Amino acid sequence: MFARNSFLGHPYPEIKMGFKGAKTVLHKECESLGLTFTELMIFIERNPYAMSRKVIKAFSVYKKEMYTS
């Protein structure tokens, strides 16, 4: 029922995501909200609790990949 790391106090499984998957998640979120990519990035930074865990993970993967290269 729960992921293997649930015994560590984490009720949700860890979301593993690569850069391409992160871009896909973010672009689908843009389409569903009717925002541009830049508007979505600003919205997530200002209102992180309004997004799902998957979108937040995609945002962090995207930022890490884009700003650490």
N, C-alpha and C. Protein backbone atom coordinates (compact mmCIF):
# COMPACT_ATOMS: atom_id res chain seq x y z
N MET A 1 0.83 -1.19 0.00
CA MET A 1 0.00 0.00 0.00
C MET A 1 0.87 1.26 0.00
N PHE A 2 1.80 1.35 0.92
CA PHE A 2 2.68 2.50 0.97
C PHE A 2 4.02 2.13 0.36
N ALA A 3 4.79 3.14 0.03
CA ALA A 3 6.12 2.91 -0.53
C ALA A 3 7.05 2.37 0.55
N ARG A 4 8.18 1.90 0.12
CA ARG A 4 9.14 1.33 1.07
C ARG A 4 9.62 2.35 2.10
N ASN A 5 9.66 3.63 1.72
CA ASN A 5 10.15 4.63 2.66
C ASN A 5 9.05 5.13 3.60
N SER A 6 7.85 4.50 3.58
CA SER A 6 6.78 4.97 4.45
C SER A 6 7.09 4.69 5.92
N PHE A 7 7.93 3.70 6.18
CA PHE A 7 8.27 3.41 7.57
C PHE A 7 9.15 4.51 8.17
N LEU A 8 9.69 5.39 7.34
CA LEU A 8 10.52 6.48 7.83
C LEU A 8 9.69 7.70 8.20
N GLY A 9 8.38 7.59 8.12
CA GLY A 9 7.52 8.71 8.45
C GLY A 9 7.03 9.47 7.24
N HIS A 10 7.31 8.96 6.04
CA HIS A 10 6.87 9.61 4.82
C HIS A 10 5.63 8.89 4.31
N PRO A 11 4.45 9.51 4.39
CA PRO A 11 3.24 8.82 3.95
C PRO A 11 3.11 8.73 2.44
N TYR A 12 3.88 9.50 1.68
CA TYR A 12 3.79 9.49 0.23
C TYR A 12 5.08 8.92 -0.35
N PRO A 13 4.98 8.20 -1.44
CA PRO A 13 6.20 7.70 -2.07
C PRO A 13 7.01 8.85 -2.67
N GLU A 14 8.30 8.65 -2.75
CA GLU A 14 9.16 9.66 -3.34
C GLU A 14 8.90 9.73 -4.84
N ILE A 15 8.83 10.93 -5.36
CA ILE A 15 8.60 11.11 -6.79
C ILE A 15 9.95 11.27 -7.46
N LYS A 16 10.28 10.32 -8.34
CA LYS A 16 11.54 10.40 -9.09
C LYS A 16 11.22 10.95 -10.46
N MET A 17 11.97 11.97 -10.85
CA MET A 17 11.67 12.64 -12.09
C MET A 17 12.94 13.17 -12.73
N GLY A 18 13.05 13.00 -14.03
CA GLY A 18 14.16 13.54 -14.79
C GLY A 18 13.77 14.88 -15.40
N PHE A 19 14.70 15.47 -16.12
CA PHE A 19 14.47 16.79 -16.70
C PHE A 19 13.36 16.77 -17.74
N LYS A 20 13.37 15.76 -18.61
CA LYS A 20 12.36 15.68 -19.66
C LYS A 20 10.97 15.48 -19.07
N GLY A 21 10.85 14.65 -18.05
CA GLY A 21 9.58 14.44 -17.38
C GLY A 21 9.10 15.71 -16.69
N ALA A 22 10.03 16.45 -16.11
CA ALA A 22 9.68 17.70 -15.44
C ALA A 22 9.12 18.71 -16.44
N LYS A 23 9.75 18.81 -17.61
CA LYS A 23 9.26 19.72 -18.64
C LYS A 23 7.86 19.33 -19.09
N THR A 24 7.62 18.03 -19.24
CA THR A 24 6.32 17.55 -19.66
C THR A 24 5.24 17.91 -18.63
N VAL A 25 5.53 17.67 -17.37
CA VAL A 25 4.58 17.99 -16.30
C VAL A 25 4.28 19.48 -16.29
N LEU A 26 5.31 20.30 -16.40
CA LEU A 26 5.11 21.75 -16.34
C LEU A 26 4.34 22.26 -17.56
N HIS A 27 4.61 21.73 -18.73
CA HIS A 27 3.89 22.16 -19.92
C HIS A 27 2.42 21.74 -19.88
N LYS A 28 2.15 20.56 -19.35
CA LYS A 28 0.75 20.12 -19.20
C LYS A 28 0.01 21.00 -18.18
N GLU A 29 0.71 21.41 -17.16
CA GLU A 29 0.10 22.31 -16.16
C GLU A 29 -0.18 23.67 -16.79
N CYS A 30 0.71 24.13 -17.66
CA CYS A 30 0.48 25.39 -18.39
C CYS A 30 -0.80 25.30 -19.20
N GLU A 31 -0.97 24.19 -19.91
CA GLU A 31 -2.16 24.01 -20.74
C GLU A 31 -3.43 23.98 -19.89
N SER A 32 -3.38 23.28 -18.77
CA SER A 32 -4.58 23.15 -17.96
C SER A 32 -4.96 24.46 -17.26
N LEU A 33 -3.96 25.28 -16.93
CA LEU A 33 -4.26 26.55 -16.27
C LEU A 33 -4.40 27.72 -17.23
N GLY A 34 -4.00 27.53 -18.48
CA GLY A 34 -4.08 28.61 -19.46
C GLY A 34 -3.05 29.70 -19.23
N LEU A 35 -1.89 29.31 -18.74
CA LEU A 35 -0.80 30.26 -18.48
C LEU A 35 0.36 30.00 -19.43
N THR A 36 1.19 31.01 -19.62
CA THR A 36 2.44 30.79 -20.34
C THR A 36 3.41 30.12 -19.38
N PHE A 37 4.51 29.61 -19.93
CA PHE A 37 5.49 28.92 -19.08
C PHE A 37 6.08 29.87 -18.04
N THR A 38 6.38 31.07 -18.45
CA THR A 38 6.95 32.06 -17.51
C THR A 38 5.95 32.41 -16.42
N GLU A 39 4.69 32.60 -16.79
CA GLU A 39 3.65 32.90 -15.80
C GLU A 39 3.50 31.76 -14.81
N LEU A 40 3.58 30.52 -15.30
CA LEU A 40 3.47 29.36 -14.41
C LEU A 40 4.62 29.32 -13.43
N MET A 41 5.84 29.57 -13.89
CA MET A 41 7.00 29.56 -13.00
C MET A 41 6.87 30.61 -11.90
N ILE A 42 6.40 31.78 -12.26
CA ILE A 42 6.19 32.84 -11.26
C ILE A 42 5.09 32.44 -10.29
N PHE A 43 4.01 31.86 -10.81
CA PHE A 43 2.90 31.43 -9.97
C PHE A 43 3.33 30.37 -8.96
N ILE A 44 4.14 29.41 -9.42
CA ILE A 44 4.61 28.36 -8.51
C ILE A 44 5.52 28.93 -7.43
N GLU A 45 6.38 29.88 -7.79
CA GLU A 45 7.27 30.49 -6.80
C GLU A 45 6.48 31.25 -5.74
N ARG A 46 5.43 31.94 -6.16
CA ARG A 46 4.65 32.75 -5.23
C ARG A 46 3.63 31.94 -4.43
N ASN A 47 3.09 30.87 -5.03
CA ASN A 47 2.03 30.08 -4.40
C ASN A 47 2.33 28.59 -4.47
N PRO A 48 3.36 28.12 -3.80
CA PRO A 48 3.70 26.70 -3.94
C PRO A 48 2.64 25.76 -3.37
N TYR A 49 1.88 26.20 -2.38
CA TYR A 49 0.87 25.32 -1.78
C TYR A 49 -0.36 25.17 -2.66
N ALA A 50 -0.46 25.93 -3.73
CA ALA A 50 -1.59 25.81 -4.64
C ALA A 50 -1.36 24.72 -5.70
N MET A 51 -0.18 24.12 -5.69
CA MET A 51 0.19 23.12 -6.69
C MET A 51 0.28 21.74 -6.06
N SER A 52 0.20 20.72 -6.91
CA SER A 52 0.34 19.35 -6.44
C SER A 52 1.81 19.05 -6.16
N ARG A 53 2.03 17.93 -5.48
CA ARG A 53 3.41 17.52 -5.16
C ARG A 53 4.20 17.24 -6.43
N LYS A 54 3.54 16.68 -7.43
CA LYS A 54 4.20 16.36 -8.69
C LYS A 54 4.69 17.62 -9.40
N VAL A 55 3.87 18.66 -9.39
CA VAL A 55 4.25 19.92 -10.04
C VAL A 55 5.39 20.59 -9.28
N ILE A 56 5.35 20.55 -7.96
CA ILE A 56 6.43 21.13 -7.15
C ILE A 56 7.73 20.39 -7.41
N LYS A 57 7.67 19.06 -7.49
CA LYS A 57 8.88 18.27 -7.79
C LYS A 57 9.41 18.62 -9.17
N ALA A 58 8.51 18.73 -10.16
CA ALA A 58 8.93 19.09 -11.52
C ALA A 58 9.57 20.47 -11.53
N PHE A 59 9.02 21.40 -10.78
CA PHE A 59 9.56 22.75 -10.68
C PHE A 59 10.98 22.73 -10.11
N SER A 60 11.18 21.95 -9.04
CA SER A 60 12.50 21.91 -8.42
C SER A 60 13.52 21.24 -9.33
N VAL A 61 13.11 20.17 -10.04
CA VAL A 61 14.01 19.50 -10.98
C VAL A 61 14.37 20.45 -12.11
N TYR A 62 13.40 21.16 -12.64
CA TYR A 62 13.63 22.09 -13.75
C TYR A 62 14.57 23.22 -13.32
N LYS A 63 14.30 23.81 -12.15
CA LYS A 63 15.15 24.92 -11.68
C LYS A 63 16.58 24.45 -11.44
N LYS A 64 16.72 23.27 -10.82
CA LYS A 64 18.05 22.77 -10.53
C LYS A 64 18.83 22.52 -11.81
N GLU A 65 18.18 21.95 -12.80
CA GLU A 65 18.85 21.64 -14.07
C GLU A 65 19.20 22.92 -14.84
N MET A 66 18.27 23.88 -14.83
CA MET A 66 18.48 25.09 -15.64
C MET A 66 19.47 26.07 -15.00
N TYR A 67 19.49 26.14 -13.68
CA TYR A 67 20.28 27.17 -13.03
C TYR A 67 21.58 26.67 -12.44
N THR A 68 21.86 25.37 -12.55
CA THR A 68 23.16 24.88 -12.06
C THR A 68 24.10 24.51 -13.19
N SER A 69 23.63 24.57 -14.42
CA SER A 69 24.49 24.21 -15.56
C SER A 69 25.40 25.34 -15.96
